[in-house]
Each structure stands twice: as structure tokens, then as C-alpha cells.
Amino acid sequence: MSSEPANASAAAPGKRAADTPENGGTPPSVTSDTLHVGDTVTEALLGRLIKLEKFEHKLAEVARVYRNLNAARKAVEVVLKKLTPVQSIADVEELEEFLSNLTVKSQYAGEQIGALTELDKGKTNVFTALSQSIQVRLCLNTSLLIVQKVHRDCLVLSADMD
């Protein structure tokens, strides 16, 4: 038998038994590059380490997306605070109430604009009718003046004939 301790096989190749966590040492750094099938690490653990390396790359992407999303959320909240009484994007009920009230106000304004447009059309029609009436009256006055002049001329002619 060997004079090495029983757990010496648990140490990484090239490392002394004192370097293992069981002997109070620090655990060796373990990556998929330093672990191989047949070492004291099982194939399942090696598979997990390889998966972990893959997830480390994805974690960086998730962190980047999270930062971008958080920045966008903060930008939306700045606009909400500036233009609405809503202080946070999390105040969904308050935002819904604000937008609902805004919709009602917009509909009311549209109805009022429609009513004023109809009133304006009515006034335009009255103005047009009055303009036409004035033109007719001017024509009648002109015709009346012509008739009066013709009548006077007839009277003058008939007086001259007598």
C-alpha cells in the first residue's frame, strides 16, 4: 500500500494533498480546461462545468439587456413625471386612470368642436342669406329708382304735351 493519505486521490493532479479543502487548504481553481474525464471529477460534474461556462456568456448578455431595459424604464418614468401626475411606471392603476380621463377630455373636446362647427355652418348660412337679401334689396331699390325716374320723365313729357 501507498504511504499517501486515503484522500490524496481527491487532490488535483500535480497538487499535494494539503491543498485540498478536506485538509484545510484552499480548493484548486476548477475550469473545464483543467478537468478531464478520469480525474477525480465525475463526468456529470464536468458536464455541469461546461454548461456553466456557456451560461456565463449568456449571463453577460442578460446583464446588458437588463441595463438597457432599466435605462429605458427610467427614461419612461422621467417623461411620466414630467407630463403626467404618475410618478412611476409601476403605478399602473394611476396611469390607466389618467389616460382614461385624458380620453374622456379628448372626446368631449371633439364633441364641442363638432358643435361649434355646426353653429359656425348655421351662422355662415344666415350670413349668406342676409348677403343675398341685401343684394336683392339693392337691385329692387335700383329698379325702383329707375321706375321713379321713368315715371317722372313720363309726367314731364305729358306736362309738356299739354
N, C-alpha and C. Protein backbone atom coordinates (compact mmCIF):
# COMPACT_ATOMS: atom_id res chain seq x y z
N MET A 1 0.80 -1.18 0.00
CA MET A 1 0.00 0.00 0.00
C MET A 1 0.85 1.25 0.00
N SER A 2 0.24 2.29 -0.40
CA SER A 2 0.93 3.55 -0.52
C SER A 2 0.94 4.26 0.82
N SER A 3 1.94 5.11 1.03
CA SER A 3 2.00 5.86 2.28
C SER A 3 1.23 7.17 2.18
N GLU A 4 0.63 7.43 1.01
CA GLU A 4 -0.16 8.65 0.84
C GLU A 4 -1.47 8.52 1.59
N PRO A 5 -2.04 9.63 2.03
CA PRO A 5 -3.33 9.57 2.70
C PRO A 5 -4.39 9.04 1.75
N ALA A 6 -5.47 8.56 2.31
CA ALA A 6 -6.55 7.96 1.53
C ALA A 6 -7.20 8.98 0.61
N ASN A 7 -7.25 10.22 1.01
CA ASN A 7 -7.92 11.22 0.18
C ASN A 7 -6.95 11.92 -0.76
N ALA A 8 -5.76 11.43 -0.89
CA ALA A 8 -4.81 12.04 -1.81
C ALA A 8 -5.28 11.93 -3.24
N SER A 9 -6.06 10.91 -3.53
CA SER A 9 -6.57 10.77 -4.89
C SER A 9 -7.58 11.86 -5.22
N ALA A 10 -8.13 12.52 -4.19
CA ALA A 10 -9.09 13.59 -4.42
C ALA A 10 -8.40 14.88 -4.83
N ALA A 11 -7.12 14.99 -4.60
CA ALA A 11 -6.41 16.20 -4.97
C ALA A 11 -6.23 16.24 -6.48
N ALA A 12 -6.15 17.42 -7.00
CA ALA A 12 -5.95 17.58 -8.44
C ALA A 12 -4.56 17.09 -8.81
N PRO A 13 -4.37 16.62 -10.03
CA PRO A 13 -3.05 16.14 -10.43
C PRO A 13 -2.02 17.24 -10.29
N GLY A 14 -0.88 16.89 -9.72
CA GLY A 14 0.19 17.86 -9.54
C GLY A 14 0.03 18.67 -8.27
N LYS A 15 -0.99 18.47 -7.51
CA LYS A 15 -1.23 19.20 -6.26
C LYS A 15 -0.99 18.26 -5.10
N ARG A 16 -0.54 18.80 -4.03
CA ARG A 16 -0.34 17.99 -2.84
C ARG A 16 -1.66 17.80 -2.13
N ALA A 17 -1.72 16.81 -1.28
CA ALA A 17 -2.94 16.52 -0.54
C ALA A 17 -3.30 17.65 0.38
N ALA A 18 -2.37 18.45 0.85
CA ALA A 18 -2.65 19.55 1.77
C ALA A 18 -3.40 20.67 1.08
N ASP A 19 -3.39 20.69 -0.25
CA ASP A 19 -4.08 21.74 -0.99
C ASP A 19 -5.57 21.47 -1.14
N THR A 20 -6.07 20.38 -0.65
CA THR A 20 -7.49 20.05 -0.81
C THR A 20 -8.29 20.65 0.32
N PRO A 21 -9.58 20.93 0.10
CA PRO A 21 -10.41 21.50 1.15
C PRO A 21 -10.52 20.58 2.36
N GLU A 22 -10.43 19.26 2.15
CA GLU A 22 -10.56 18.33 3.26
C GLU A 22 -9.39 18.48 4.23
N ASN A 23 -8.24 18.89 3.75
CA ASN A 23 -7.05 19.03 4.59
C ASN A 23 -6.85 20.47 5.05
N GLY A 24 -7.85 21.33 4.85
CA GLY A 24 -7.76 22.71 5.31
C GLY A 24 -7.13 23.65 4.31
N GLY A 25 -6.79 23.17 3.14
CA GLY A 25 -6.20 24.02 2.12
C GLY A 25 -7.27 24.70 1.29
N THR A 26 -6.86 25.56 0.40
CA THR A 26 -7.82 26.22 -0.49
C THR A 26 -8.10 25.30 -1.66
N PRO A 27 -9.33 25.29 -2.13
CA PRO A 27 -9.65 24.42 -3.25
C PRO A 27 -8.97 24.93 -4.51
N PRO A 28 -8.52 24.03 -5.35
CA PRO A 28 -7.89 24.48 -6.60
C PRO A 28 -8.94 25.10 -7.51
N SER A 29 -8.51 26.06 -8.36
CA SER A 29 -9.46 26.64 -9.30
C SER A 29 -9.77 25.58 -10.34
N VAL A 30 -11.06 25.43 -10.59
CA VAL A 30 -11.50 24.35 -11.47
C VAL A 30 -12.21 24.95 -12.66
N THR A 31 -11.76 24.62 -13.86
CA THR A 31 -12.45 25.01 -15.08
C THR A 31 -12.52 23.79 -15.97
N SER A 32 -13.28 23.90 -17.03
CA SER A 32 -13.40 22.76 -17.93
C SER A 32 -12.08 22.49 -18.65
N ASP A 33 -11.17 23.48 -18.67
CA ASP A 33 -9.86 23.26 -19.29
C ASP A 33 -8.94 22.41 -18.42
N THR A 34 -9.12 22.49 -17.09
CA THR A 34 -8.24 21.74 -16.19
C THR A 34 -8.83 20.41 -15.77
N LEU A 35 -10.11 20.21 -16.04
CA LEU A 35 -10.76 18.95 -15.66
C LEU A 35 -10.90 18.06 -16.88
N HIS A 36 -10.64 16.80 -16.68
CA HIS A 36 -10.76 15.84 -17.77
C HIS A 36 -11.43 14.59 -17.24
N VAL A 37 -12.08 13.84 -18.13
CA VAL A 37 -12.70 12.59 -17.74
C VAL A 37 -11.60 11.67 -17.22
N GLY A 38 -11.88 11.04 -16.10
CA GLY A 38 -10.90 10.17 -15.49
C GLY A 38 -10.26 10.81 -14.27
N ASP A 39 -10.33 12.14 -14.18
CA ASP A 39 -9.87 12.80 -12.96
C ASP A 39 -10.84 12.46 -11.86
N THR A 40 -10.60 12.99 -10.71
CA THR A 40 -11.49 12.70 -9.60
C THR A 40 -12.86 13.35 -9.78
N VAL A 41 -12.98 14.17 -10.79
CA VAL A 41 -14.25 14.81 -11.08
C VAL A 41 -15.07 13.87 -11.96
N THR A 42 -16.34 13.76 -11.65
CA THR A 42 -17.20 12.86 -12.42
C THR A 42 -17.57 13.51 -13.75
N GLU A 43 -18.04 12.69 -14.65
CA GLU A 43 -18.48 13.20 -15.95
C GLU A 43 -19.65 14.16 -15.79
N ALA A 44 -20.53 13.88 -14.83
CA ALA A 44 -21.68 14.76 -14.59
C ALA A 44 -21.21 16.14 -14.15
N LEU A 45 -20.21 16.18 -13.25
CA LEU A 45 -19.70 17.46 -12.79
C LEU A 45 -19.01 18.21 -13.93
N LEU A 46 -18.28 17.49 -14.75
CA LEU A 46 -17.63 18.11 -15.90
C LEU A 46 -18.68 18.70 -16.85
N GLY A 47 -19.76 17.96 -17.07
CA GLY A 47 -20.85 18.46 -17.92
C GLY A 47 -21.46 19.72 -17.34
N ARG A 48 -21.61 19.73 -16.02
CA ARG A 48 -22.16 20.93 -15.37
C ARG A 48 -21.22 22.12 -15.51
N LEU A 49 -19.93 21.87 -15.38
CA LEU A 49 -18.97 22.96 -15.52
C LEU A 49 -18.98 23.52 -16.94
N ILE A 50 -19.09 22.66 -17.92
CA ILE A 50 -19.16 23.12 -19.31
C ILE A 50 -20.42 23.95 -19.53
N LYS A 51 -21.54 23.47 -18.96
CA LYS A 51 -22.79 24.23 -19.06
C LYS A 51 -22.64 25.59 -18.39
N LEU A 52 -21.95 25.59 -17.24
CA LEU A 52 -21.76 26.84 -16.51
C LEU A 52 -20.97 27.84 -17.35
N GLU A 53 -19.96 27.38 -18.05
CA GLU A 53 -19.21 28.27 -18.93
C GLU A 53 -20.11 28.87 -20.01
N LYS A 54 -20.99 28.05 -20.56
CA LYS A 54 -21.91 28.55 -21.58
C LYS A 54 -22.85 29.59 -20.99
N PHE A 55 -23.32 29.32 -19.77
CA PHE A 55 -24.25 30.25 -19.13
C PHE A 55 -23.56 31.54 -18.72
N GLU A 56 -22.26 31.51 -18.47
CA GLU A 56 -21.54 32.74 -18.13
C GLU A 56 -21.63 33.73 -19.28
N HIS A 57 -21.52 33.26 -20.50
CA HIS A 57 -21.63 34.14 -21.66
C HIS A 57 -23.05 34.69 -21.77
N LYS A 58 -24.01 33.83 -21.52
CA LYS A 58 -25.41 34.27 -21.59
C LYS A 58 -25.72 35.25 -20.47
N LEU A 59 -25.10 35.06 -19.30
CA LEU A 59 -25.33 35.95 -18.17
C LEU A 59 -24.88 37.37 -18.52
N ALA A 60 -23.77 37.49 -19.20
CA ALA A 60 -23.30 38.82 -19.62
C ALA A 60 -24.32 39.47 -20.55
N GLU A 61 -24.89 38.70 -21.45
CA GLU A 61 -25.92 39.23 -22.37
C GLU A 61 -27.17 39.63 -21.60
N VAL A 62 -27.58 38.80 -20.65
CA VAL A 62 -28.76 39.12 -19.83
C VAL A 62 -28.50 40.39 -19.03
N ALA A 63 -27.31 40.54 -18.47
CA ALA A 63 -26.98 41.75 -17.71
C ALA A 63 -27.04 42.98 -18.60
N ARG A 64 -26.53 42.88 -19.83
CA ARG A 64 -26.57 44.00 -20.77
C ARG A 64 -28.01 44.38 -21.11
N VAL A 65 -28.82 43.37 -21.38
CA VAL A 65 -30.23 43.62 -21.71
C VAL A 65 -30.94 44.23 -20.51
N TYR A 66 -30.63 43.75 -19.31
CA TYR A 66 -31.25 44.30 -18.10
C TYR A 66 -30.88 45.77 -17.93
N ARG A 67 -29.61 46.11 -18.14
CA ARG A 67 -29.19 47.51 -18.02
C ARG A 67 -29.93 48.37 -19.04
N ASN A 68 -30.04 47.90 -20.27
CA ASN A 68 -30.76 48.65 -21.31
C ASN A 68 -32.23 48.82 -20.95
N LEU A 69 -32.84 47.75 -20.47
CA LEU A 69 -34.25 47.81 -20.08
C LEU A 69 -34.45 48.76 -18.91
N ASN A 70 -33.55 48.72 -17.95
CA ASN A 70 -33.65 49.60 -16.80
C ASN A 70 -33.48 51.06 -17.22
N ALA A 71 -32.56 51.32 -18.13
CA ALA A 71 -32.36 52.69 -18.63
C ALA A 71 -33.61 53.17 -19.37
N ALA A 72 -34.22 52.30 -20.16
CA ALA A 72 -35.45 52.66 -20.88
C ALA A 72 -36.58 52.93 -19.89
N ARG A 73 -36.68 52.11 -18.85
CA ARG A 73 -37.72 52.31 -17.83
C ARG A 73 -37.53 53.66 -17.15
N LYS A 74 -36.29 54.00 -16.82
CA LYS A 74 -36.03 55.28 -16.18
C LYS A 74 -36.39 56.44 -17.10
N ALA A 75 -36.10 56.31 -18.38
CA ALA A 75 -36.45 57.36 -19.35
C ALA A 75 -37.96 57.53 -19.43
N VAL A 76 -38.69 56.43 -19.44
CA VAL A 76 -40.16 56.50 -19.47
C VAL A 76 -40.68 57.16 -18.21
N GLU A 77 -40.09 56.84 -17.07
CA GLU A 77 -40.55 57.44 -15.81
C GLU A 77 -40.28 58.94 -15.78
N VAL A 78 -39.18 59.39 -16.37
CA VAL A 78 -38.90 60.83 -16.44
C VAL A 78 -40.01 61.52 -17.23
N VAL A 79 -40.38 60.93 -18.36
CA VAL A 79 -41.45 61.51 -19.19
C VAL A 79 -42.78 61.47 -18.43
N LEU A 80 -43.07 60.35 -17.76
CA LEU A 80 -44.31 60.25 -16.99
C LEU A 80 -44.37 61.34 -15.92
N LYS A 81 -43.27 61.53 -15.19
CA LYS A 81 -43.25 62.54 -14.13
C LYS A 81 -43.40 63.95 -14.71
N LYS A 82 -42.83 64.16 -15.89
CA LYS A 82 -42.87 65.49 -16.50
C LYS A 82 -44.25 65.83 -17.05
N LEU A 83 -44.91 64.86 -17.68
CA LEU A 83 -46.14 65.15 -18.42
C LEU A 83 -47.41 64.65 -17.76
N THR A 84 -47.29 63.87 -16.69
CA THR A 84 -48.48 63.31 -16.05
C THR A 84 -48.32 63.39 -14.54
N PRO A 85 -49.40 63.15 -13.81
CA PRO A 85 -49.28 63.08 -12.35
C PRO A 85 -48.71 61.74 -11.89
N VAL A 86 -48.48 60.82 -12.79
CA VAL A 86 -47.97 59.49 -12.45
C VAL A 86 -46.48 59.61 -12.14
N GLN A 87 -46.05 59.03 -11.01
CA GLN A 87 -44.66 59.13 -10.58
C GLN A 87 -43.81 57.93 -10.98
N SER A 88 -44.44 56.79 -11.23
CA SER A 88 -43.68 55.58 -11.53
C SER A 88 -44.44 54.73 -12.53
N ILE A 89 -43.69 54.00 -13.33
CA ILE A 89 -44.30 53.09 -14.29
C ILE A 89 -45.03 51.96 -13.57
N ALA A 90 -44.69 51.75 -12.31
CA ALA A 90 -45.34 50.71 -11.53
C ALA A 90 -46.75 51.11 -11.10
N ASP A 91 -47.08 52.42 -11.16
CA ASP A 91 -48.42 52.89 -10.79
C ASP A 91 -49.38 52.68 -11.95
N VAL A 92 -49.66 51.44 -12.25
CA VAL A 92 -50.47 51.09 -13.42
C VAL A 92 -51.88 51.64 -13.29
N GLU A 93 -52.48 51.52 -12.11
CA GLU A 93 -53.86 52.00 -11.93
C GLU A 93 -53.94 53.51 -12.13
N GLU A 94 -52.98 54.24 -11.57
CA GLU A 94 -52.98 55.69 -11.71
C GLU A 94 -52.77 56.10 -13.17
N LEU A 95 -51.87 55.40 -13.86
CA LEU A 95 -51.64 55.68 -15.27
C LEU A 95 -52.88 55.38 -16.10
N GLU A 96 -53.54 54.26 -15.80
CA GLU A 96 -54.76 53.91 -16.53
C GLU A 96 -55.85 54.95 -16.30
N GLU A 97 -55.99 55.42 -15.05
CA GLU A 97 -57.00 56.43 -14.73
C GLU A 97 -56.68 57.74 -15.46
N PHE A 98 -55.41 58.14 -15.46
CA PHE A 98 -55.00 59.36 -16.15
C PHE A 98 -55.32 59.29 -17.64
N LEU A 99 -54.94 58.18 -18.27
CA LEU A 99 -55.18 58.02 -19.70
C LEU A 99 -56.67 57.94 -20.01
N SER A 100 -57.44 57.31 -19.12
CA SER A 100 -58.89 57.24 -19.31
C SER A 100 -59.50 58.64 -19.25
N ASN A 101 -59.08 59.43 -18.26
CA ASN A 101 -59.58 60.81 -18.15
C ASN A 101 -59.16 61.64 -19.36
N LEU A 102 -57.95 61.42 -19.82
CA LEU A 102 -57.47 62.14 -20.99
C LEU A 102 -58.31 61.79 -22.22
N THR A 103 -58.69 60.52 -22.34
CA THR A 103 -59.53 60.08 -23.45
C THR A 103 -60.90 60.74 -23.38
N VAL A 104 -61.47 60.79 -22.17
CA VAL A 104 -62.79 61.43 -22.00
C VAL A 104 -62.70 62.91 -22.36
N LYS A 105 -61.65 63.58 -21.89
CA LYS A 105 -61.49 65.01 -22.21
C LYS A 105 -61.35 65.21 -23.72
N SER A 106 -60.60 64.34 -24.35
CA SER A 106 -60.39 64.44 -25.79
C SER A 106 -61.71 64.24 -26.54
N GLN A 107 -62.49 63.26 -26.11
CA GLN A 107 -63.79 63.02 -26.75
C GLN A 107 -64.71 64.22 -26.55
N TYR A 108 -64.72 64.80 -25.34
CA TYR A 108 -65.56 65.96 -25.05
C TYR A 108 -65.13 67.14 -25.92
N ALA A 109 -63.81 67.35 -26.04
CA ALA A 109 -63.32 68.44 -26.88
C ALA A 109 -63.73 68.23 -28.33
N GLY A 110 -63.67 66.99 -28.80
CA GLY A 110 -64.10 66.69 -30.16
C GLY A 110 -65.57 66.98 -30.36
N GLU A 111 -66.39 66.62 -29.36
CA GLU A 111 -67.83 66.91 -29.45
C GLU A 111 -68.08 68.41 -29.48
N GLN A 112 -67.36 69.16 -28.65
CA GLN A 112 -67.53 70.61 -28.62
C GLN A 112 -67.09 71.25 -29.93
N ILE A 113 -66.01 70.75 -30.50
CA ILE A 113 -65.56 71.26 -31.80
C ILE A 113 -66.61 70.98 -32.86
N GLY A 114 -67.21 69.79 -32.81
CA GLY A 114 -68.28 69.46 -33.75
C GLY A 114 -69.47 70.38 -33.60
N ALA A 115 -69.86 70.65 -32.34
CA ALA A 115 -71.00 71.54 -32.09
C ALA A 115 -70.68 72.96 -32.58
N LEU A 116 -69.48 73.43 -32.31
CA LEU A 116 -69.11 74.77 -32.77
C LEU A 116 -69.03 74.84 -34.29
N THR A 117 -68.59 73.77 -34.90
CA THR A 117 -68.55 73.72 -36.37
C THR A 117 -69.96 73.82 -36.94
N GLU A 118 -70.90 73.09 -36.35
CA GLU A 118 -72.29 73.16 -36.81
C GLU A 118 -72.86 74.56 -36.60
N LEU A 119 -72.55 75.16 -35.45
CA LEU A 119 -73.01 76.52 -35.17
C LEU A 119 -72.42 77.49 -36.20
N ASP A 120 -71.15 77.31 -36.51
CA ASP A 120 -70.49 78.16 -37.50
C ASP A 120 -71.13 77.99 -38.87
N LYS A 121 -71.46 76.73 -39.24
CA LYS A 121 -72.15 76.50 -40.51
C LYS A 121 -73.49 77.21 -40.54
N GLY A 122 -74.21 77.17 -39.43
CA GLY A 122 -75.51 77.85 -39.35
C GLY A 122 -75.34 79.35 -39.52
N LYS A 123 -74.34 79.91 -38.84
CA LYS A 123 -74.11 81.35 -38.96
C LYS A 123 -73.66 81.71 -40.37
N THR A 124 -72.87 80.85 -40.98
CA THR A 124 -72.45 81.09 -42.36
C THR A 124 -73.65 81.09 -43.30
N ASN A 125 -74.58 80.16 -43.08
CA ASN A 125 -75.80 80.11 -43.90
C ASN A 125 -76.63 81.37 -43.71
N VAL A 126 -76.75 81.84 -42.46
CA VAL A 126 -77.51 83.06 -42.19
C VAL A 126 -76.82 84.25 -42.87
N PHE A 127 -75.51 84.32 -42.77
CA PHE A 127 -74.75 85.41 -43.40
C PHE A 127 -74.95 85.40 -44.91
N THR A 128 -74.89 84.20 -45.50
CA THR A 128 -75.09 84.08 -46.95
C THR A 128 -76.50 84.54 -47.33
N ALA A 129 -77.50 84.13 -46.55
CA ALA A 129 -78.88 84.54 -46.84
C ALA A 129 -79.04 86.05 -46.71
N LEU A 130 -78.43 86.63 -45.66
CA LEU A 130 -78.52 88.08 -45.49
C LEU A 130 -77.81 88.82 -46.64
N SER A 131 -76.68 88.30 -47.07
CA SER A 131 -75.96 88.92 -48.20
C SER A 131 -76.82 88.89 -49.45
N GLN A 132 -77.45 87.75 -49.70
CA GLN A 132 -78.32 87.64 -50.87
C GLN A 132 -79.51 88.58 -50.73
N SER A 133 -80.05 88.68 -49.53
CA SER A 133 -81.20 89.56 -49.29
C SER A 133 -80.81 91.02 -49.55
N ILE A 134 -79.62 91.39 -49.11
CA ILE A 134 -79.15 92.76 -49.33
C ILE A 134 -78.97 93.01 -50.82
N GLN A 135 -78.43 92.03 -51.54
CA GLN A 135 -78.25 92.20 -52.98
C GLN A 135 -79.60 92.35 -53.67
N VAL A 136 -80.57 91.55 -53.26
CA VAL A 136 -81.91 91.65 -53.86
C VAL A 136 -82.51 93.02 -53.55
N ARG A 137 -82.33 93.47 -52.30
CA ARG A 137 -82.87 94.77 -51.90
C ARG A 137 -82.21 95.90 -52.71
N LEU A 138 -80.90 95.79 -52.90
CA LEU A 138 -80.21 96.80 -53.70
C LEU A 138 -80.72 96.80 -55.14
N CYS A 139 -80.94 95.61 -55.68
CA CYS A 139 -81.49 95.52 -57.05
C CYS A 139 -82.89 96.13 -57.10
N LEU A 140 -83.70 95.82 -56.09
CA LEU A 140 -85.05 96.38 -56.05
C LEU A 140 -85.01 97.90 -55.91
N ASN A 141 -84.13 98.40 -55.05
CA ASN A 141 -84.01 99.85 -54.89
C ASN A 141 -83.57 100.51 -56.19
N THR A 142 -82.61 99.87 -56.86
CA THR A 142 -82.15 100.40 -58.14
C THR A 142 -83.29 100.40 -59.15
N SER A 143 -84.02 99.28 -59.19
CA SER A 143 -85.16 99.19 -60.11
C SER A 143 -86.22 100.23 -59.75
N LEU A 144 -86.47 100.41 -58.48
CA LEU A 144 -87.46 101.39 -58.04
C LEU A 144 -87.02 102.81 -58.44
N LEU A 145 -85.75 103.10 -58.27
CA LEU A 145 -85.25 104.41 -58.67
C LEU A 145 -85.41 104.62 -60.18
N ILE A 146 -85.15 103.56 -60.94
CA ILE A 146 -85.31 103.65 -62.39
C ILE A 146 -86.78 103.87 -62.74
N VAL A 147 -87.67 103.13 -62.09
CA VAL A 147 -89.11 103.27 -62.35
C VAL A 147 -89.56 104.68 -61.97
N GLN A 148 -89.08 105.18 -60.82
CA GLN A 148 -89.45 106.53 -60.41
C GLN A 148 -88.97 107.58 -61.43
N LYS A 149 -87.73 107.40 -61.91
CA LYS A 149 -87.20 108.33 -62.90
C LYS A 149 -88.02 108.27 -64.19
N VAL A 150 -88.35 107.03 -64.62
CA VAL A 150 -89.16 106.88 -65.83
C VAL A 150 -90.52 107.54 -65.60
N HIS A 151 -91.10 107.34 -64.45
CA HIS A 151 -92.40 107.92 -64.14
C HIS A 151 -92.31 109.45 -64.16
N ARG A 152 -91.28 110.02 -63.58
CA ARG A 152 -91.10 111.47 -63.59
C ARG A 152 -90.93 111.99 -65.02
N ASP A 153 -90.13 111.22 -65.77
CA ASP A 153 -89.92 111.62 -67.16
C ASP A 153 -91.25 111.59 -67.93
N CYS A 154 -92.06 110.59 -67.64
CA CYS A 154 -93.37 110.49 -68.30
C CYS A 154 -94.26 111.68 -67.89
N LEU A 155 -94.21 112.03 -66.63
CA LEU A 155 -95.01 113.16 -66.16
C LEU A 155 -94.54 114.47 -66.81
N VAL A 156 -93.23 114.60 -66.92
CA VAL A 156 -92.68 115.80 -67.55
C VAL A 156 -93.10 115.84 -69.01
N LEU A 157 -93.03 114.72 -69.70
CA LEU A 157 -93.42 114.66 -71.10
C LEU A 157 -94.92 114.94 -71.26
N SER A 158 -95.69 114.37 -70.39
CA SER A 158 -97.12 114.61 -70.53
C SER A 158 -97.46 116.06 -70.18
N ALA A 159 -96.71 116.68 -69.29
CA ALA A 159 -96.95 118.10 -68.96
C ALA A 159 -96.52 118.97 -70.14
N ASP A 160 -95.47 118.54 -70.81
CA ASP A 160 -95.00 119.28 -71.97
C ASP A 160 -96.00 119.15 -73.13
N MET A 161 -96.69 118.11 -73.23
CA MET A 161 -97.64 117.90 -74.30
C MET A 161 -98.92 118.69 -74.04
N ASP A 162 -99.14 118.99 -72.92
CA ASP A 162 -100.37 119.76 -72.66
C ASP A 162 -100.16 121.16 -72.91
